[in-house]
Each structure stands twice: as C-alpha cells, then as structure tokens.
C-alpha cells in the first residue's frame, strides 16, 4: 500500500484499513468483510468521504501522485493553521 494513500485514509480513530477499502471498491472481499465495511461506512462520515474520493479517481494508476499531492497540500494547510 502506498504510504501517501495510507496517510490520507488513516485520520479517523476507527479508520478502515486503506487496503480493505480499495478491496471493497474492487469487490474483492468476502461477503462478511464487505458487510463489516458497509457498517463502518454507515457510522463514519469521514470513511464515507474517503470512499467517495476513491470512487471518483478516474485513473487508478495516478493514485500515487494524486495522494502525494493531497498529503503535501494537507501538510501545508496544517502548518499554516498552526503558525
């Protein structure tokens, strides 16, 4: 799993593992695990937003550069806010 994607998706205390979220999107999880993901998504708005963001990625091969850029921008905003 790409470190940058993990950074973005791990901000929730009950975060779904990024690998699991991607496997869920790709319909690669057994029914029990998919149901557990759906229950977490229903209970956590941050997770829902993360899923929606992943669903909107048109070209999955660019995911690494997209997440790197997002993390860089988030770090800039956090640094600016903390000054």
C-alpha atoms as a PDB file:
ATOM      1  CA  UNK A   1       0.000   0.000   0.000  1.00  0.00           C
ATOM      2  CA  UNK A   2       1.194   3.398  -0.936  1.00  0.00           C
ATOM      3  CA  UNK A   3       2.309   5.442   2.118  1.00  0.00           C
ATOM      4  CA  UNK A   4       0.624   8.633   0.891  1.00  0.00           C
ATOM      5  CA  UNK A   5      -2.738   6.932   0.494  1.00  0.00           C
ATOM      6  CA  UNK A   6      -2.377   5.470   3.956  1.00  0.00           C
ATOM      7  CA  UNK A   7      -1.669   8.971   5.388  1.00  0.00           C
ATOM      8  CA  UNK A   8      -4.868  10.391   3.932  1.00  0.00           C
ATOM      9  CA  UNK A   9      -7.094   7.495   4.905  1.00  0.00           C
ATOM     10  CA  UNK A  10      -5.871   6.949   8.450  1.00  0.00           C
ATOM     11  CA  UNK A  11      -7.121  10.107  10.180  1.00  0.00           C
ATOM     12  CA  UNK A  12     -10.175   8.511  11.735  1.00  0.00           C
ATOM     13  CA  UNK A  13      -9.848   6.682  15.068  1.00  0.00           C
ATOM     14  CA  UNK A  14     -11.931   3.834  13.642  1.00  0.00           C
ATOM     15  CA  UNK A  15     -10.345   4.024  10.206  1.00  0.00           C
ATOM     16  CA  UNK A  16     -10.874   1.234   7.750  1.00  0.00           C
ATOM     17  CA  UNK A  17      -7.531  -0.043   6.526  1.00  0.00           C
ATOM     18  CA  UNK A  18      -6.872   1.556   3.127  1.00  0.00           C
ATOM     19  CA  UNK A  19      -6.176  -1.854   1.593  1.00  0.00           C
ATOM     20  CA  UNK A  20      -9.581  -3.084   2.760  1.00  0.00           C
ATOM     21  CA  UNK A  21     -11.331   0.000   1.411  1.00  0.00           C
ATOM     22  CA  UNK A  22      -9.762  -0.484  -2.012  1.00  0.00           C
ATOM     23  CA  UNK A  23     -10.539  -4.217  -1.934  1.00  0.00           C
ATOM     24  CA  UNK A  24     -14.146  -3.299  -1.057  1.00  0.00           C
ATOM     25  CA  UNK A  25     -14.328  -0.972  -4.060  1.00  0.00           C
ATOM     26  CA  UNK A  26     -12.922  -3.702  -6.282  1.00  0.00           C
ATOM     27  CA  UNK A  27     -15.469  -6.204  -4.883  1.00  0.00           C
ATOM     28  CA  UNK A  28     -12.641  -8.455  -3.711  1.00  0.00           C
ATOM     29  CA  UNK A  29     -13.839  -9.007  -0.128  1.00  0.00           C
ATOM     30  CA  UNK A  30     -15.845 -11.948   1.161  1.00  0.00           C
ATOM     31  CA  UNK A  31     -19.474 -11.024   1.973  1.00  0.00           C
ATOM     32  CA  UNK A  32     -18.838 -10.893   5.748  1.00  0.00           C
ATOM     33  CA  UNK A  33     -15.950  -8.448   5.379  1.00  0.00           C
ATOM     34  CA  UNK A  34     -17.869  -6.338   2.851  1.00  0.00           C
ATOM     35  CA  UNK A  35     -20.766  -6.108   5.299  1.00  0.00           C
ATOM     36  CA  UNK A  36     -18.423  -5.034   8.115  1.00  0.00           C
ATOM     37  CA  UNK A  37     -17.007  -2.298   5.858  1.00  0.00           C
ATOM     38  CA  UNK A  38     -20.531  -1.155   4.972  1.00  0.00           C
ATOM     39  CA  UNK A  39     -21.423  -0.924   8.675  1.00  0.00           C
ATOM     40  CA  UNK A  40     -18.336   1.207   9.363  1.00  0.00           C
ATOM     41  CA  UNK A  41     -19.122   3.402   6.357  1.00  0.00           C
ATOM     42  CA  UNK A  42     -22.658   3.939   7.637  1.00  0.00           C
ATOM     43  CA  UNK A  43     -21.316   5.034  11.029  1.00  0.00           C
ATOM     44  CA  UNK A  44     -18.444   7.276   9.941  1.00  0.00           C
ATOM     45  CA  UNK A  45     -18.795  10.290   7.656  1.00  0.00           C
ATOM     46  CA  UNK A  46     -15.015  10.545   7.180  1.00  0.00           C
ATOM     47  CA  UNK A  47     -14.892   6.983   5.882  1.00  0.00           C
ATOM     48  CA  UNK A  48     -17.807   7.705   3.537  1.00  0.00           C
ATOM     49  CA  UNK A  49     -15.940  10.707   2.165  1.00  0.00           C
ATOM     50  CA  UNK A  50     -12.770   8.660   1.714  1.00  0.00           C
ATOM     51  CA  UNK A  51     -14.721   6.048  -0.215  1.00  0.00           C
ATOM     52  CA  UNK A  52     -16.363   8.689  -2.400  1.00  0.00           C
ATOM     53  CA  UNK A  53     -12.946  10.178  -3.132  1.00  0.00           C
ATOM     54  CA  UNK A  54     -11.530   6.814  -4.136  1.00  0.00           C
ATOM     55  CA  UNK A  55     -14.567   6.125  -6.319  1.00  0.00           C
ATOM     56  CA  UNK A  56     -14.041   9.408  -8.146  1.00  0.00           C
ATOM     57  CA  UNK A  57     -10.475   8.582  -9.199  1.00  0.00           C
ATOM     58  CA  UNK A  58     -10.712   8.075 -12.961  1.00  0.00           C
ATOM     59  CA  UNK A  59      -7.244   6.646 -13.486  1.00  0.00           C
ATOM     60  CA  UNK A  60      -6.167   4.392 -10.634  1.00  0.00           C
ATOM     61  CA  UNK A  61      -2.580   4.372 -11.967  1.00  0.00           C
ATOM     62  CA  UNK A  62      -2.312   8.046 -10.987  1.00  0.00           C
ATOM     63  CA  UNK A  63      -3.460   7.361  -7.439  1.00  0.00           C
ATOM     64  CA  UNK A  64       0.077   7.566  -6.036  1.00  0.00           C
ATOM     65  CA  UNK A  65       0.741  11.032  -7.449  1.00  0.00           C
ATOM     66  CA  UNK A  66      -2.739  12.249  -6.500  1.00  0.00           C
ATOM     67  CA  UNK A  67      -2.394  11.124  -2.888  1.00  0.00           C
ATOM     68  CA  UNK A  68       1.134  12.532  -2.669  1.00  0.00           C
ATOM     69  CA  UNK A  69      -0.156  15.908  -3.820  1.00  0.00           C
ATOM     70  CA  UNK A  70      -3.113  15.782  -1.416  1.00  0.00           C
ATOM     71  CA  UNK A  71      -0.875  14.942   1.528  1.00  0.00           C
ATOM     72  CA  UNK A  72       1.517  17.744   0.600  1.00  0.00           C
ATOM     73  CA  UNK A  73      -1.353  20.241   0.453  1.00  0.00           C
ATOM     74  CA  UNK A  74      -2.778  18.978   3.750  1.00  0.00           C
ATOM     75  CA  UNK A  75       0.607  19.373   5.436  1.00  0.00           C
ATOM     76  CA  UNK A  76       0.892  22.956   4.142  1.00  0.00           C
ATOM     77  CA  UNK A  77      -2.566  23.829   5.485  1.00  0.00           C
ATOM     78  CA  UNK A  78      -1.847  22.215   8.850  1.00  0.00           C
ATOM     79  CA  UNK A  79       1.472  24.053   9.138  1.00  0.00           C
ATOM     80  CA  UNK A  80      -0.161  27.361   8.191  1.00  0.00           C
ATOM     81  CA  UNK A  81      -3.007  26.826  10.677  1.00  0.00           C
ATOM     82  CA  UNK A  82      -0.555  26.031  13.486  1.00  0.00           C
ATOM     83  CA  UNK A  83       1.512  29.189  12.968  1.00  0.00           C
END
